[in-house]
């Protein structure tokens, strides 16, 4: 976890910097983009422009660190500072990469962010449930042992849920609250959204400045698509100019 928090982000930064620099040095000894060995404009742009920023891979890393920390964090509290250090280093590294070494990211809405948040809502629930199981270990906190006669027998753990007030009661209480809130959200989520209890008040509409589909392809390809659609409609029993096909 510590290696993933400190070393991995900066290894990714060094890889992003060094690999394109080595390729450009092999293409031009003076590191001058106008002094190139490339014979096509496409190959020249690919080499001397920034790479494509793969954002979904970053979201998966955040989810991975979050769930590992929440799953084992109560038993190993050192995971929390490691996770915070990881997020800090990742923040610094990604800002450097996006600002200096990648192409400008395409215009996007908040779909990925909302999807990531919806996945992260299970992490606190797992933290509370698994934390209650850890705190309820009778061998550690109550010094309860079940002795066995030989190694062929399985030791009974006596690790069961106990509805008594002790050190793990707050964890159990909030775990039950978390499960209840999840059930309420699933059952009455639409009604709660109408009353304003939602992650966003409105959908973000992003103008990606994309041309019309039929204007972005060749006329011959557009004609082929139109004929293919007409042929498909006729196979299903519709006439090309039938208003029922709309």
Protein backbone atom coordinates (compact mmCIF):
# COMPACT_ATOMS: atom_id res chain seq x y z
CA UNK A 1 0.00 0.00 0.00
CA UNK A 2 2.84 2.40 0.81
CA UNK A 3 4.56 1.54 -2.47
CA UNK A 4 1.31 2.17 -4.32
CA UNK A 5 0.90 5.50 -2.50
CA UNK A 6 4.41 6.90 -3.01
CA UNK A 7 6.23 5.13 -5.83
CA UNK A 8 3.54 4.19 -8.38
CA UNK A 9 2.24 7.75 -9.10
CA UNK A 10 5.72 9.15 -9.71
CA UNK A 11 6.74 6.11 -11.75
CA UNK A 12 3.76 6.89 -13.96
CA UNK A 13 4.89 10.52 -14.20
CA UNK A 14 8.44 9.55 -15.16
CA UNK A 15 7.11 7.09 -17.75
CA UNK A 16 4.89 9.77 -19.25
CA UNK A 17 7.86 12.15 -19.53
CA UNK A 18 10.73 9.85 -20.53
CA UNK A 19 9.19 7.54 -23.14
CA UNK A 20 7.98 10.36 -25.48
CA UNK A 21 11.26 12.24 -24.88
CA UNK A 22 13.33 9.21 -25.94
CA UNK A 23 11.21 8.67 -29.05
CA UNK A 24 11.55 12.34 -30.01
CA UNK A 25 15.29 12.24 -29.43
CA UNK A 26 15.58 9.27 -31.79
CA UNK A 27 13.52 11.16 -34.35
CA UNK A 28 15.43 14.45 -34.04
CA UNK A 29 18.83 14.78 -32.38
CA UNK A 30 18.26 18.51 -31.86
CA UNK A 31 14.77 17.91 -30.35
CA UNK A 32 13.39 20.21 -33.03
CA UNK A 33 9.94 19.16 -34.27
CA UNK A 34 10.72 20.70 -37.67
CA UNK A 35 13.82 18.50 -38.03
CA UNK A 36 12.05 15.14 -38.18
CA UNK A 37 12.49 11.79 -39.87
CA UNK A 38 8.77 11.21 -40.18
CA UNK A 39 7.41 11.08 -43.71
CA UNK A 40 3.72 11.68 -42.94
CA UNK A 41 1.86 14.37 -41.06
CA UNK A 42 -0.11 11.83 -39.02
CA UNK A 43 3.03 10.10 -37.72
CA UNK A 44 4.61 13.49 -36.93
CA UNK A 45 1.58 14.64 -34.94
CA UNK A 46 1.41 11.35 -33.06
CA UNK A 47 5.05 11.68 -31.99
CA UNK A 48 5.28 15.38 -31.18
CA UNK A 49 1.83 16.01 -29.72
CA UNK A 50 0.67 14.84 -26.32
CA UNK A 51 -0.94 11.49 -25.69
CA UNK A 52 -4.59 10.78 -25.02
CA UNK A 53 -5.56 11.11 -21.37
CA UNK A 54 -7.19 7.86 -20.23
CA UNK A 55 -9.43 9.06 -17.44
CA UNK A 56 -11.44 5.89 -16.72
CA UNK A 57 -8.24 4.13 -15.63
CA UNK A 58 -7.73 6.82 -12.96
CA UNK A 59 -11.23 6.29 -11.61
CA UNK A 60 -10.60 2.56 -11.25
CA UNK A 61 -7.44 3.27 -9.22
CA UNK A 62 -9.39 5.57 -6.88
CA UNK A 63 -12.08 2.93 -6.38
CA UNK A 64 -9.47 0.25 -5.72
CA UNK A 65 -7.66 2.28 -3.03
CA UNK A 66 -10.92 3.40 -1.41
CA UNK A 67 -12.38 -0.07 -1.09
CA UNK A 68 -9.19 -1.69 0.18
CA UNK A 69 -8.83 1.05 2.81
CA UNK A 70 -12.44 0.80 3.94
CA UNK A 71 -12.43 -3.00 4.00
CA UNK A 72 -9.36 -3.41 6.21
CA UNK A 73 -8.91 0.09 7.65
CA UNK A 74 -10.43 -0.48 11.06
CA UNK A 75 -8.11 -3.42 11.68
CA UNK A 76 -5.12 -1.69 10.10
CA UNK A 77 -5.48 2.09 10.71
CA UNK A 78 -2.20 2.75 8.87
CA UNK A 79 -4.15 2.29 5.64
CA UNK A 80 -5.90 5.65 6.10
CA UNK A 81 -2.76 7.86 6.00
CA UNK A 82 -1.43 5.71 3.14
CA UNK A 83 -4.66 6.26 1.19
CA UNK A 84 -4.57 10.01 1.91
CA UNK A 85 -0.95 10.16 0.74
CA UNK A 86 -1.88 8.22 -2.39
CA UNK A 87 -4.70 10.60 -3.26
CA UNK A 88 -2.44 13.62 -2.65
CA UNK A 89 0.38 12.28 -4.83
CA UNK A 90 -2.09 11.22 -7.50
CA UNK A 91 -3.60 14.72 -7.49
CA UNK A 92 -0.23 16.40 -7.96
CA UNK A 93 0.93 13.95 -10.63
CA UNK A 94 -2.28 14.06 -12.65
CA UNK A 95 -2.33 17.86 -12.70
CA UNK A 96 1.25 17.88 -14.05
CA UNK A 97 0.47 15.23 -16.67
CA UNK A 98 -2.72 16.90 -17.90
CA UNK A 99 -1.21 20.40 -17.96
CA UNK A 100 2.08 19.59 -19.69
CA UNK A 101 2.17 16.18 -21.34
CA UNK A 102 -1.31 15.27 -22.59
CA UNK A 103 -3.70 16.57 -25.18
CA UNK A 104 -6.58 18.70 -23.99
CA UNK A 105 -9.22 16.23 -22.72
CA UNK A 106 -12.44 16.03 -24.68
CA UNK A 107 -15.46 17.87 -23.33
CA UNK A 108 -17.34 15.53 -20.99
CA UNK A 109 -20.34 15.72 -18.71
CA UNK A 110 -20.48 14.49 -15.11
CA UNK A 111 -21.54 10.91 -15.97
CA UNK A 112 -18.22 9.34 -14.97
CA UNK A 113 -18.05 11.34 -11.74
CA UNK A 114 -21.59 10.45 -10.74
CA UNK A 115 -20.98 6.80 -11.61
CA UNK A 116 -17.83 6.79 -9.45
CA UNK A 117 -19.68 8.38 -6.52
CA UNK A 118 -22.50 5.85 -6.83
CA UNK A 119 -19.91 3.06 -6.60
CA UNK A 120 -18.15 4.67 -3.63
CA UNK A 121 -21.31 4.79 -1.52
CA UNK A 122 -20.85 1.10 -0.68
CA UNK A 123 -17.38 1.67 0.79
CA UNK A 124 -18.55 3.18 4.14
CA UNK A 125 -21.11 0.39 4.48
CA UNK A 126 -18.40 -2.22 4.00
CA UNK A 127 -16.21 -0.35 6.49
CA UNK A 128 -18.92 -0.48 9.17
CA UNK A 129 -19.98 -4.09 8.58
CA UNK A 130 -16.49 -5.53 8.35
CA UNK A 131 -15.33 -3.24 11.18
CA UNK A 132 -18.08 -4.58 13.43
CA UNK A 133 -16.91 -8.10 12.62
CA UNK A 134 -13.32 -7.18 13.52
CA UNK A 135 -14.28 -5.49 16.78
CA UNK A 136 -16.45 -8.43 17.74
CA UNK A 137 -13.53 -10.88 17.74
CA UNK A 138 -13.90 -12.62 21.09
CA UNK A 139 -10.39 -14.09 21.05
CA UNK A 140 -8.78 -10.65 20.93
CA UNK A 141 -11.13 -8.52 23.03
CA UNK A 142 -12.59 -11.09 25.46
CA UNK A 143 -9.78 -13.63 25.58
CA UNK A 144 -12.24 -16.42 24.83
CA UNK A 145 -10.71 -19.64 23.54
CA UNK A 146 -12.15 -23.00 22.55
CA UNK A 147 -9.50 -25.62 23.10
CA UNK A 148 -9.23 -28.69 20.91
CA UNK A 149 -7.76 -32.10 21.64
CA UNK A 150 -5.70 -32.49 18.46
CA UNK A 151 -4.94 -30.70 15.20
CA UNK A 152 -7.52 -32.70 13.25
CA UNK A 153 -10.34 -30.81 14.98
CA UNK A 154 -11.54 -27.34 13.98
CA UNK A 155 -11.57 -24.70 16.68
CA UNK A 156 -14.96 -23.05 17.25
CA UNK A 157 -14.54 -19.29 17.05
CA UNK A 158 -17.72 -18.34 18.98
CA UNK A 159 -17.64 -15.19 16.88
CA UNK A 160 -21.33 -14.29 16.52
CA UNK A 161 -23.40 -11.13 16.53
CA UNK A 162 -24.28 -10.10 20.07
CA UNK A 163 -26.91 -7.43 20.71
CA UNK A 164 -25.30 -6.22 23.91
CA UNK A 165 -23.82 -2.81 24.69
CA UNK A 166 -20.02 -2.97 24.48
CA UNK A 167 -17.15 -1.44 22.49
CA UNK A 168 -18.51 -2.56 19.10
CA UNK A 169 -22.07 -1.27 19.65
CA UNK A 170 -21.52 2.11 17.88
CA UNK A 171 -20.14 0.33 14.82
CA UNK A 172 -23.08 -2.08 14.72
CA UNK A 173 -25.56 0.80 15.15
CA UNK A 174 -24.18 2.83 12.28
CA UNK A 175 -23.89 -0.31 10.12
CA UNK A 176 -27.61 -0.94 10.62
CA UNK A 177 -28.34 2.71 9.79
CA UNK A 178 -26.26 2.44 6.61
CA UNK A 179 -28.09 -0.70 5.47
CA UNK A 180 -31.46 0.91 6.26
CA UNK A 181 -30.58 4.04 4.29
CA UNK A 182 -29.50 1.92 1.33
CA UNK A 183 -32.81 0.03 1.38
CA UNK A 184 -34.78 3.29 1.62
CA UNK A 185 -32.84 4.74 -1.28
CA UNK A 186 -33.51 1.67 -3.41
CA UNK A 187 -37.22 1.53 -2.55
CA UNK A 188 -38.04 5.25 -2.56
CA UNK A 189 -35.12 6.70 -4.53
CA UNK A 190 -37.32 8.34 -7.20
CA UNK A 191 -39.48 10.09 -4.60
CA UNK A 192 -36.41 11.31 -2.72
CA UNK A 193 -34.96 12.71 -5.96
CA UNK A 194 -38.19 14.65 -6.56
CA UNK A 195 -37.86 16.19 -3.09
CA UNK A 196 -34.28 17.27 -3.77
CA UNK A 197 -32.37 14.41 -2.11
CA UNK A 198 -30.12 13.57 -5.08
CA UNK A 199 -26.48 13.91 -6.09
CA UNK A 200 -27.27 16.56 -8.74
CA UNK A 201 -30.18 18.94 -9.27
CA UNK A 202 -30.01 18.75 -13.06
CA UNK A 203 -28.20 16.98 -15.84
CA UNK A 204 -25.13 18.71 -17.24
CA UNK A 205 -25.41 19.09 -21.00
CA UNK A 206 -22.04 19.45 -22.72
CA UNK A 207 -21.65 20.79 -26.24
CA UNK A 208 -18.94 18.57 -27.70
CA UNK A 209 -18.88 20.62 -30.92
CA UNK A 210 -19.43 17.52 -33.06
CA UNK A 211 -20.85 17.85 -36.60
CA UNK A 212 -23.97 16.11 -37.80
CA UNK A 213 -23.34 12.42 -38.45
CA UNK A 214 -24.30 12.57 -42.13
CA UNK A 215 -22.15 15.67 -42.64
CA UNK A 216 -19.06 14.00 -41.16
CA UNK A 217 -19.01 11.04 -43.58
CA UNK A 218 -18.72 10.74 -47.32
CA UNK A 219 -21.85 11.11 -49.45
CA UNK A 220 -21.39 7.60 -50.79
CA UNK A 221 -21.35 6.19 -47.26
CA UNK A 222 -24.42 8.24 -46.34
CA UNK A 223 -26.28 6.84 -49.36
CA UNK A 224 -25.30 3.32 -48.35
CA UNK A 225 -26.67 3.85 -44.85
CA UNK A 226 -29.95 5.24 -46.17
CA UNK A 227 -30.37 2.29 -48.57
CA UNK A 228 -29.48 -0.16 -45.82
CA UNK A 229 -32.13 1.38 -43.56
CA UNK A 230 -34.74 1.20 -46.35
CA UNK A 231 -33.88 -2.44 -47.00
CA UNK A 232 -34.19 -3.28 -43.30
CA UNK A 233 -37.57 -1.53 -43.06
CA UNK A 234 -38.87 -3.47 -46.07
CA UNK A 235 -37.75 -6.76 -44.51
CA UNK A 236 -39.83 -5.92 -41.44
CA UNK A 237 -42.86 -5.06 -43.55
CA UNK A 238 -42.61 -1.25 -43.49
CA UNK A 239 -42.62 1.01 -46.50
CA UNK A 240 -39.75 3.56 -46.72
CA UNK A 241 -42.17 6.52 -46.72
CA UNK A 242 -44.64 5.02 -44.23
CA UNK A 243 -45.20 7.43 -41.28
CA UNK A 244 -45.42 4.44 -38.94
CA UNK A 245 -41.70 3.86 -39.44
CA UNK A 246 -40.87 7.13 -37.64
